[in-house]
Amino acid sequence: MIAIFIILLMSVALFIVGILLISSSDYENIKTNLRNTFSELSIQKSNCCILSSLEDLGKKLETLETNLEEKRKEVEDSKSEVYETTEKIQALNETSKQIKLFYTTLKNDLSSSEEDCSNLYKKIDEYRNSQMKLKKEIQRNIRYYYDLLNAIQNSRFLEKRDTLRALQGGEGFELERLYKAK
């Protein structure tokens, strides 16, 4: 209720002031003064700096244009940096692809080399086994031929002994000793 009364009282007061202003003889002076006041009225920015004249507004506009130009240059520099960075990233990606390809090639070569080595080890083992078999066979053959030569020599010796006994008639044992001594 009190709020309504206050609002009503203010409305009536404003109405009376308005009528007094319009009816006064200084209406034209008030109107002119209001126009001058509005033209020179302080302009307030968002950062709460107050500009009180057109010259200040012009200076501020020049400052803002300078700042805008600086920001535009910064944006252009940033764009060029982004472009350079993008090129570097693309170059790194290309290098990475080449390294992966090289790695894959090396891996395949290594796999092939390991397989070749495995085959060579198998062949070496086969040759060693063959060599061992051949050595055993050679030793067996040497032993066989040695035994054969001994048998031939013994048989010749026995033949010579028998021949000598028959010829000498009992003196074969002496010749046999002579033959053995040689």
Protein backbone atom coordinates (compact mmCIF):
# COMPACT_ATOMS: atom_id res chain seq x y z
CA MET A 1 0.00 0.00 0.00
CA ILE A 2 2.79 2.36 0.86
CA ALA A 3 4.54 1.46 -2.41
CA ILE A 4 1.43 2.36 -4.40
CA PHE A 5 1.13 5.64 -2.56
CA ILE A 6 4.80 6.46 -3.29
CA ILE A 7 4.40 5.61 -6.97
CA LEU A 8 1.30 7.73 -7.21
CA LEU A 9 3.00 10.62 -5.47
CA MET A 10 5.99 10.44 -7.86
CA SER A 11 3.75 10.28 -10.91
CA VAL A 12 1.89 13.41 -9.79
CA ALA A 13 5.18 15.20 -9.08
CA LEU A 14 6.53 14.42 -12.53
CA PHE A 15 3.34 15.51 -14.17
CA ILE A 16 3.49 18.85 -12.35
CA VAL A 17 7.15 19.34 -13.30
CA GLY A 18 6.33 18.57 -16.92
CA ILE A 19 3.50 21.10 -17.01
CA LEU A 20 5.66 23.74 -15.39
CA LEU A 21 8.42 23.21 -17.90
CA ILE A 22 6.14 23.37 -20.90
CA SER A 23 4.35 26.44 -19.64
CA SER A 24 7.44 28.32 -18.68
CA SER A 25 8.85 31.02 -20.93
CA ASP A 26 12.26 29.44 -20.86
CA TYR A 27 11.05 26.38 -22.71
CA GLU A 28 13.18 27.12 -25.75
CA ASN A 29 16.22 27.75 -23.55
CA ILE A 30 15.66 24.50 -21.73
CA LYS A 31 15.24 22.67 -25.03
CA THR A 32 18.48 24.13 -26.43
CA ASN A 33 20.34 23.41 -23.23
CA LEU A 34 19.08 19.82 -23.27
CA ARG A 35 20.28 19.36 -26.88
CA ASN A 36 23.74 20.71 -26.04
CA THR A 37 23.82 18.59 -22.96
CA PHE A 38 22.89 15.47 -24.94
CA SER A 39 25.51 16.20 -27.62
CA GLU A 40 28.17 16.67 -25.01
CA LEU A 41 26.67 14.04 -22.78
CA SER A 42 29.23 11.63 -21.58
CA ILE A 43 29.45 8.39 -23.57
CA GLN A 44 30.20 5.42 -21.41
CA LYS A 45 31.98 2.33 -22.71
CA SER A 46 31.66 -1.23 -21.58
CA ASN A 47 34.86 -0.95 -19.53
CA CYS A 48 33.39 2.08 -17.75
CA CYS A 49 35.69 4.70 -19.32
CA ILE A 50 33.79 7.90 -19.87
CA LEU A 51 34.29 9.85 -23.09
CA SER A 52 33.14 13.43 -22.70
CA SER A 53 33.75 14.87 -26.17
CA LEU A 54 33.84 13.97 -29.86
CA GLU A 55 37.62 14.45 -29.89
CA ASP A 56 37.98 11.84 -27.15
CA LEU A 57 35.68 9.60 -29.15
CA GLY A 58 37.84 10.07 -32.28
CA LYS A 59 41.02 9.36 -30.36
CA LYS A 60 39.45 6.30 -28.84
CA LEU A 61 38.28 5.18 -32.30
CA GLU A 62 41.83 5.57 -33.67
CA THR A 63 43.17 3.58 -30.72
CA LEU A 64 40.59 0.88 -31.31
CA GLU A 65 41.43 0.79 -35.03
CA THR A 66 45.13 0.46 -34.16
CA ASN A 67 44.32 -2.33 -31.72
CA LEU A 68 42.13 -3.97 -34.37
CA GLU A 69 45.00 -3.82 -36.89
CA GLU A 70 47.39 -5.32 -34.32
CA LYS A 71 44.91 -8.09 -33.58
CA ARG A 72 44.47 -8.70 -37.33
CA LYS A 73 48.26 -9.03 -37.66
CA GLU A 74 48.32 -11.40 -34.68
CA VAL A 75 45.56 -13.47 -36.30
CA GLU A 76 47.51 -13.58 -39.59
CA ASP A 77 50.67 -14.58 -37.71
CA SER A 78 48.70 -17.23 -35.85
CA LYS A 79 47.28 -18.50 -39.15
CA SER A 80 50.77 -18.71 -40.64
CA GLU A 81 52.02 -20.54 -37.54
CA VAL A 82 49.09 -22.94 -37.77
CA TYR A 83 49.87 -23.50 -41.47
CA GLU A 84 53.57 -24.10 -40.73
CA THR A 85 52.68 -26.44 -37.88
CA THR A 86 50.26 -28.30 -40.14
CA GLU A 87 52.99 -28.69 -42.76
CA LYS A 88 55.39 -29.97 -40.09
CA ILE A 89 52.80 -32.44 -38.85
CA GLN A 90 52.18 -33.64 -42.41
CA ALA A 91 55.93 -34.01 -42.92
CA LEU A 92 56.15 -35.99 -39.67
CA ASN A 93 53.24 -38.17 -40.78
CA GLU A 94 54.98 -38.83 -44.10
CA THR A 95 58.22 -39.62 -42.29
CA SER A 96 56.32 -41.89 -39.93
CA LYS A 97 54.80 -43.74 -42.89
CA GLN A 98 58.23 -44.15 -44.47
CA ILE A 99 59.66 -45.42 -41.19
CA LYS A 100 56.80 -47.89 -40.82
CA LEU A 101 57.38 -49.12 -44.37
CA PHE A 102 61.12 -49.40 -43.72
CA TYR A 103 60.43 -51.21 -40.43
CA THR A 104 58.08 -53.62 -42.17
CA THR A 105 60.68 -54.26 -44.87
CA LEU A 106 63.36 -54.85 -42.25
CA LYS A 107 61.06 -57.15 -40.33
CA ASN A 108 60.34 -59.17 -43.47
CA ASP A 109 64.05 -59.28 -44.32
CA LEU A 110 64.84 -60.41 -40.78
CA SER A 111 62.20 -63.12 -40.98
CA SER A 112 63.60 -64.27 -44.32
CA SER A 113 67.16 -64.22 -42.95
CA GLU A 114 66.11 -66.22 -39.90
CA GLU A 115 64.47 -68.79 -42.14
CA ASP A 116 67.60 -68.96 -44.31
CA CYS A 117 69.76 -69.36 -41.20
CA SER A 118 67.51 -72.14 -39.96
CA ASN A 119 67.80 -73.92 -43.30
CA LEU A 120 71.59 -73.48 -43.26
CA TYR A 121 71.78 -74.89 -39.71
CA LYS A 122 69.76 -77.90 -40.86
CA LYS A 123 72.06 -78.43 -43.85
CA ILE A 124 75.13 -78.03 -41.64
CA ASP A 125 73.72 -80.65 -39.24
CA GLU A 126 72.97 -82.96 -42.17
CA TYR A 127 76.52 -82.53 -43.51
CA ARG A 128 77.99 -83.13 -40.08
CA ASN A 129 75.93 -86.28 -39.69
CA SER A 130 77.01 -87.39 -43.16
CA GLN A 131 80.61 -86.57 -42.29
CA MET A 132 80.36 -88.59 -39.08
CA LYS A 133 78.86 -91.53 -40.98
CA LEU A 134 81.58 -91.28 -43.63
CA LYS A 135 84.31 -91.13 -40.97
CA LYS A 136 82.87 -94.22 -39.27
CA GLU A 137 82.62 -96.00 -42.62
CA ILE A 138 86.18 -94.94 -43.54
CA GLN A 139 87.44 -96.17 -40.16
CA ARG A 140 85.53 -99.41 -40.64
CA ASN A 141 86.97 -99.79 -44.15
CA ILE A 142 90.47 -98.95 -42.92
CA ARG A 143 90.10 -101.54 -40.19
CA TYR A 144 88.73 -104.03 -42.72
CA TYR A 145 91.58 -103.38 -45.18
CA TYR A 146 94.13 -103.45 -42.34
CA ASP A 147 92.72 -106.74 -41.18
CA LEU A 148 92.70 -107.95 -44.78
CA LEU A 149 96.32 -106.88 -45.28
CA ASN A 150 97.26 -108.59 -42.03
CA ALA A 151 95.46 -111.69 -43.16
CA ILE A 152 97.23 -111.55 -46.55
CA GLN A 153 100.56 -110.95 -44.88
CA ASN A 154 99.95 -113.77 -42.42
CA SER A 155 98.93 -116.07 -45.21
CA ARG A 156 102.05 -115.18 -47.21
CA PHE A 157 104.12 -115.58 -44.15
CA LEU A 158 102.56 -118.97 -43.51
CA GLU A 159 103.07 -119.95 -47.15
CA LYS A 160 106.69 -118.83 -47.05
CA ARG A 161 107.23 -120.67 -43.80
CA ASP A 162 105.69 -123.82 -45.15
CA THR A 163 107.72 -123.44 -48.34
CA LEU A 164 110.88 -122.81 -46.37
CA ARG A 165 110.31 -125.84 -44.11
CA ALA A 166 109.72 -128.03 -47.03
CA LEU A 167 112.84 -126.83 -48.74
CA GLN A 168 115.07 -126.79 -45.72
CA GLY A 169 113.72 -129.76 -43.93
CA GLY A 170 113.84 -128.49 -40.42
CA GLU A 171 115.80 -125.35 -40.84
CA GLY A 172 112.63 -123.36 -41.40
CA PHE A 173 112.57 -122.08 -37.88
CA GLU A 174 115.89 -120.28 -38.26
CA LEU A 175 114.88 -118.71 -41.55
CA GLU A 176 111.61 -117.75 -40.00
CA ARG A 177 113.48 -115.87 -37.29
CA LEU A 178 115.61 -114.19 -39.93
CA TYR A 179 112.49 -113.32 -41.92
CA LYS A 180 110.81 -111.90 -38.81
CA ALA A 181 113.90 -109.92 -37.91
CA LYS A 182 113.83 -108.11 -41.20
